[in-house]
Amino acid sequence: MGKRFRRRAFALALLAVPIAAGAQSAAPLDFLRSIYEPYKQAGFKGQPYWEARRFFVTDLAEAIERDFEKAKKSREVPALDGDPFLNAQDWNIHSINYAVTEMRSAKRAVGAVALDNLGTPTLLALFLVETPQGWRIDDIVSRGSSLRASFKLN
């Protein structure tokens, strides 16, 4: 079974579990909350994901930065045309729920985020890695799409 298939299967299994905050590891959960809670505020313009190193692991951050630079030079829309944290261009978030499963030995965690955006339920799986700079996102998976795959990263 390939690594990509296992990752997607695990994400789907995680998203199938009812999401509720409980006895979870604080650090990755706090990281997710720091990203998502501001979206519930009226007028919030979104996280500055173009400051990619604040949120993403190095190779994914570099891919996002290259995408923005290329788009800026060519005066085109970047490939990342929407908010990757919501998998949407527009939002009005009514509720957000979280769950995190941490794999301590590997300094990895998987976060599930369920939110109501403009009346539409959205489920996201975030693959997290603990780095010297803190927790960072290695991938975001939603409805079969993967942020990492959109940049053709393994």
C-alpha atoms as a PDB file:
ATOM      1  CA  MET A   1       0.000   0.000   0.000  1.00  0.00           C
ATOM      2  CA  GLY A   2       1.481   3.387  -1.007  1.00  0.00           C
ATOM      3  CA  LYS A   3       2.238   6.171   1.437  1.00  0.00           C
ATOM      4  CA  ARG A   4      -0.198   8.558  -0.266  1.00  0.00           C
ATOM      5  CA  PHE A   5      -3.021   5.995  -0.178  1.00  0.00           C
ATOM      6  CA  ARG A   6      -2.410   5.264   3.524  1.00  0.00           C
ATOM      7  CA  ARG A   7      -2.391   8.983   4.313  1.00  0.00           C
ATOM      8  CA  ARG A   8      -5.694   9.587   2.517  1.00  0.00           C
ATOM      9  CA  ALA A   9      -7.275   6.482   4.024  1.00  0.00           C
ATOM     10  CA  PHE A  10      -6.184   7.594   7.485  1.00  0.00           C
ATOM     11  CA  ALA A  11      -7.540  11.100   6.864  1.00  0.00           C
ATOM     12  CA  LEU A  12     -10.888   9.717   5.759  1.00  0.00           C
ATOM     13  CA  ALA A  13     -11.032   7.445   8.803  1.00  0.00           C
ATOM     14  CA  LEU A  14     -10.190  10.344  11.087  1.00  0.00           C
ATOM     15  CA  LEU A  15     -12.850  12.530   9.517  1.00  0.00           C
ATOM     16  CA  ALA A  16     -15.444   9.800   9.919  1.00  0.00           C
ATOM     17  CA  VAL A  17     -15.042   9.956  13.718  1.00  0.00           C
ATOM     18  CA  PRO A  18     -17.331  12.427  15.494  1.00  0.00           C
ATOM     19  CA  ILE A  19     -15.291  15.507  16.263  1.00  0.00           C
ATOM     20  CA  ALA A  20     -15.276  16.749  19.844  1.00  0.00           C
ATOM     21  CA  ALA A  21     -12.671  18.409  22.000  1.00  0.00           C
ATOM     22  CA  GLY A  22     -11.602  16.031  24.735  1.00  0.00           C
ATOM     23  CA  ALA A  23      -8.424  14.631  26.246  1.00  0.00           C
ATOM     24  CA  GLN A  24      -6.137  15.712  23.460  1.00  0.00           C
ATOM     25  CA  SER A  25      -2.597  16.996  23.258  1.00  0.00           C
ATOM     26  CA  ALA A  26      -2.592  20.732  23.909  1.00  0.00           C
ATOM     27  CA  ALA A  27       0.269  21.824  21.642  1.00  0.00           C
ATOM     28  CA  PRO A  28      -1.055  20.723  18.222  1.00  0.00           C
ATOM     29  CA  LEU A  29      -4.617  21.555  19.281  1.00  0.00           C
ATOM     30  CA  ASP A  30      -3.515  25.051  20.316  1.00  0.00           C
ATOM     31  CA  PHE A  31      -1.770  25.438  16.951  1.00  0.00           C
ATOM     32  CA  LEU A  32      -5.006  24.546  15.120  1.00  0.00           C
ATOM     33  CA  ARG A  33      -7.032  26.900  17.283  1.00  0.00           C
ATOM     34  CA  SER A  34      -4.574  29.737  16.618  1.00  0.00           C
ATOM     35  CA  ILE A  35      -5.234  29.282  12.916  1.00  0.00           C
ATOM     36  CA  TYR A  36      -9.000  28.727  12.923  1.00  0.00           C
ATOM     37  CA  GLU A  37     -10.520  30.685  15.818  1.00  0.00           C
ATOM     38  CA  PRO A  38      -9.986  34.120  14.185  1.00  0.00           C
ATOM     39  CA  TYR A  39     -12.183  33.013  11.264  1.00  0.00           C
ATOM     40  CA  LYS A  40     -15.208  33.197  13.570  1.00  0.00           C
ATOM     41  CA  GLN A  41     -14.711  36.963  14.008  1.00  0.00           C
ATOM     42  CA  ALA A  42     -16.764  39.239  11.776  1.00  0.00           C
ATOM     43  CA  GLY A  43     -14.586  40.993   9.226  1.00  0.00           C
ATOM     44  CA  PHE A  44     -11.592  38.652   9.585  1.00  0.00           C
ATOM     45  CA  LYS A  45      -9.729  38.728   6.260  1.00  0.00           C
ATOM     46  CA  GLY A  46      -8.049  35.324   6.623  1.00  0.00           C
ATOM     47  CA  GLN A  47      -4.698  34.043   7.777  1.00  0.00           C
ATOM     48  CA  PRO A  48      -1.720  35.407   5.826  1.00  0.00           C
ATOM     49  CA  TYR A  49      -0.918  32.016   4.308  1.00  0.00           C
ATOM     50  CA  TRP A  50       1.430  33.721   1.841  1.00  0.00           C
ATOM     51  CA  GLU A  51       3.671  34.101   4.917  1.00  0.00           C
ATOM     52  CA  ALA A  52       3.938  30.374   4.466  1.00  0.00           C
ATOM     53  CA  ARG A  53       6.769  29.627   6.895  1.00  0.00           C
ATOM     54  CA  ARG A  54       4.511  30.635   9.815  1.00  0.00           C
ATOM     55  CA  PHE A  55       2.186  27.744   9.036  1.00  0.00           C
ATOM     56  CA  PHE A  56       3.772  25.135   6.769  1.00  0.00           C
ATOM     57  CA  VAL A  57       6.782  22.799   6.710  1.00  0.00           C
ATOM     58  CA  THR A  58       9.733  24.051   4.666  1.00  0.00           C
ATOM     59  CA  ASP A  59       9.141  22.316   1.315  1.00  0.00           C
ATOM     60  CA  LEU A  60       5.438  23.177   1.253  1.00  0.00           C
ATOM     61  CA  ALA A  61       6.150  26.764   2.351  1.00  0.00           C
ATOM     62  CA  GLU A  62       8.722  27.105  -0.435  1.00  0.00           C
ATOM     63  CA  ALA A  63       6.243  25.784  -3.012  1.00  0.00           C
ATOM     64  CA  ILE A  64       3.611  28.293  -1.861  1.00  0.00           C
ATOM     65  CA  GLU A  65       6.145  31.126  -1.951  1.00  0.00           C
ATOM     66  CA  ARG A  66       7.283  30.141  -5.480  1.00  0.00           C
ATOM     67  CA  ASP A  67       3.644  30.039  -6.581  1.00  0.00           C
ATOM     68  CA  PHE A  68       3.023  33.571  -5.281  1.00  0.00           C
ATOM     69  CA  GLU A  69       6.239  34.906  -6.830  1.00  0.00           C
ATOM     70  CA  LYS A  70       5.456  33.347 -10.200  1.00  0.00           C
ATOM     71  CA  ALA A  71       1.925  34.756 -10.133  1.00  0.00           C
ATOM     72  CA  LYS A  72       3.192  38.200  -9.151  1.00  0.00           C
ATOM     73  CA  LYS A  73       5.767  38.275 -11.964  1.00  0.00           C
ATOM     74  CA  SER A  74       3.284  37.117 -14.588  1.00  0.00           C
ATOM     75  CA  ARG A  75       0.415  39.161 -13.094  1.00  0.00           C
ATOM     76  CA  GLU A  76      -1.696  36.018 -12.944  1.00  0.00           C
ATOM     77  CA  VAL A  77      -3.747  34.393 -10.212  1.00  0.00           C
ATOM     78  CA  PRO A  78      -1.630  31.970  -8.153  1.00  0.00           C
ATOM     79  CA  ALA A  79      -2.345  28.247  -8.299  1.00  0.00           C
ATOM     80  CA  LEU A  80      -3.359  28.539  -4.656  1.00  0.00           C
ATOM     81  CA  ASP A  81      -6.510  30.493  -5.489  1.00  0.00           C
ATOM     82  CA  GLY A  82      -8.375  30.446  -2.206  1.00  0.00           C
ATOM     83  CA  ASP A  83      -7.788  30.035   1.491  1.00  0.00           C
ATOM     84  CA  PRO A  84      -6.062  26.675   2.047  1.00  0.00           C
ATOM     85  CA  PHE A  85      -7.212  26.525   5.675  1.00  0.00           C
ATOM     86  CA  LEU A  86     -10.862  26.530   4.597  1.00  0.00           C
ATOM     87  CA  ASN A  87     -10.586  25.139   1.085  1.00  0.00           C
ATOM     88  CA  ALA A  88     -12.705  28.111   0.013  1.00  0.00           C
ATOM     89  CA  GLN A  89     -12.480  31.603  -1.439  1.00  0.00           C
ATOM     90  CA  ASP A  90     -15.273  33.065   0.672  1.00  0.00           C
ATOM     91  CA  TRP A  91     -16.350  32.368   4.209  1.00  0.00           C
ATOM     92  CA  ASN A  92     -18.706  33.075   7.028  1.00  0.00           C
ATOM     93  CA  ILE A  93     -17.804  30.558   9.719  1.00  0.00           C
ATOM     94  CA  HIS A  94     -20.561  29.653  12.160  1.00  0.00           C
ATOM     95  CA  SER A  95     -18.910  26.843  14.096  1.00  0.00           C
ATOM     96  CA  ILE A  96     -15.595  25.027  14.324  1.00  0.00           C
ATOM     97  CA  ASN A  97     -14.802  21.734  16.072  1.00  0.00           C
ATOM     98  CA  TYR A  98     -11.414  20.085  16.451  1.00  0.00           C
ATOM     99  CA  ALA A  99      -9.874  16.720  17.209  1.00  0.00           C
ATOM    100  CA  VAL A 100      -6.177  15.835  17.303  1.00  0.00           C
ATOM    101  CA  THR A 101      -4.371  12.526  17.345  1.00  0.00           C
ATOM    102  CA  GLU A 102      -0.710  12.877  18.247  1.00  0.00           C
ATOM    103  CA  MET A 103       2.020  10.361  17.464  1.00  0.00           C
ATOM    104  CA  ARG A 104       4.635  11.396  20.015  1.00  0.00           C
ATOM    105  CA  SER A 105       7.503   9.200  18.867  1.00  0.00           C
ATOM    106  CA  ALA A 106       7.359  10.675  15.388  1.00  0.00           C
ATOM    107  CA  LYS A 107       6.601  14.262  16.487  1.00  0.00           C
ATOM    108  CA  ARG A 108       3.602  14.144  14.225  1.00  0.00           C
ATOM    109  CA  ALA A 109      -0.102  14.699  14.693  1.00  0.00           C
ATOM    110  CA  VAL A 110      -3.252  14.629  12.615  1.00  0.00           C
ATOM    111  CA  GLY A 111      -5.866  17.264  13.246  1.00  0.00           C
ATOM    112  CA  ALA A 112      -9.448  17.078  12.092  1.00  0.00           C
ATOM    113  CA  VAL A 113     -11.355  20.315  11.665  1.00  0.00           C
ATOM    114  CA  ALA A 114     -15.109  20.397  11.073  1.00  0.00           C
ATOM    115  CA  LEU A 115     -16.609  23.762  10.298  1.00  0.00           C
ATOM    116  CA  ASP A 116     -19.774  25.312   9.005  1.00  0.00           C
ATOM    117  CA  ASN A 117     -18.867  27.716   6.222  1.00  0.00           C
ATOM    118  CA  LEU A 118     -21.709  29.665   4.640  1.00  0.00           C
ATOM    119  CA  GLY A 119     -24.086  26.932   5.773  1.00  0.00           C
ATOM    120  CA  THR A 120     -22.005  24.153   4.208  1.00  0.00           C
ATOM    121  CA  PRO A 121     -20.298  21.558   6.428  1.00  0.00           C
ATOM    122  CA  THR A 122     -16.593  21.272   5.648  1.00  0.00           C
ATOM    123  CA  LEU A 123     -14.190  18.615   6.921  1.00  0.00           C
ATOM    124  CA  LEU A 124     -10.432  19.012   6.764  1.00  0.00           C
ATOM    125  CA  ALA A 125      -7.562  16.792   7.885  1.00  0.00           C
ATOM    126  CA  LEU A 126      -4.337  18.590   8.715  1.00  0.00           C
ATOM    127  CA  PHE A 127      -1.126  16.575   8.940  1.00  0.00           C
ATOM    128  CA  LEU A 128       1.116  18.317  11.458  1.00  0.00           C
ATOM    129  CA  VAL A 129       4.831  18.039  12.179  1.00  0.00           C
ATOM    130  CA  GLU A 130       6.653  19.385  15.219  1.00  0.00           C
ATOM    131  CA  THR A 131       9.653  21.440  14.074  1.00  0.00           C
ATOM    132  CA  PRO A 132      12.199  23.522  16.010  1.00  0.00           C
ATOM    133  CA  GLN A 133       9.959  26.513  15.179  1.00  0.00           C
ATOM    134  CA  GLY A 134       6.857  24.773  16.569  1.00  0.00           C
ATOM    135  CA  TRP A 135       4.036  22.833  14.934  1.00  0.00           C
ATOM    136  CA  ARG A 136       3.720  23.224  11.170  1.00  0.00           C
ATOM    137  CA  ILE A 137       1.350  21.843   8.536  1.00  0.00           C
ATOM    138  CA  ASP A 138       2.698  19.116   6.254  1.00  0.00           C
ATOM    139  CA  ASP A 139      -0.544  18.744   4.290  1.00  0.00           C
ATOM    140  CA  ILE A 140      -4.214  19.690   4.295  1.00  0.00           C
ATOM    141  CA  VAL A 141      -6.648  17.147   2.873  1.00  0.00           C
ATOM    142  CA  SER A 142     -10.275  17.901   2.085  1.00  0.00           C
ATOM    143  CA  ARG A 143     -12.722  15.904  -0.022  1.00  0.00           C
ATOM    144  CA  GLY A 144      -9.984  14.015  -1.802  1.00  0.00           C
ATOM    145  CA  SER A 145      -7.853  17.071  -2.548  1.00  0.00           C
ATOM    146  CA  SER A 146      -4.460  17.586  -0.993  1.00  0.00           C
ATOM    147  CA  LEU A 147      -2.579  20.868  -0.706  1.00  0.00           C
ATOM    148  CA  ARG A 148       0.721  18.993  -1.054  1.00  0.00           C
ATOM    149  CA  ALA A 149      -0.495  17.163  -4.177  1.00  0.00           C
ATOM    150  CA  SER A 150      -1.653  20.443  -5.750  1.00  0.00           C
ATOM    151  CA  PHE A 151       2.004  21.516  -5.720  1.00  0.00           C
ATOM    152  CA  LYS A 152       3.137  18.058  -6.882  1.00  0.00           C
ATOM    153  CA  LEU A 153       5.097  17.386  -3.676  1.00  0.00           C
ATOM    154  CA  ASN A 154       5.451  13.849  -2.305  1.00  0.00           C
END
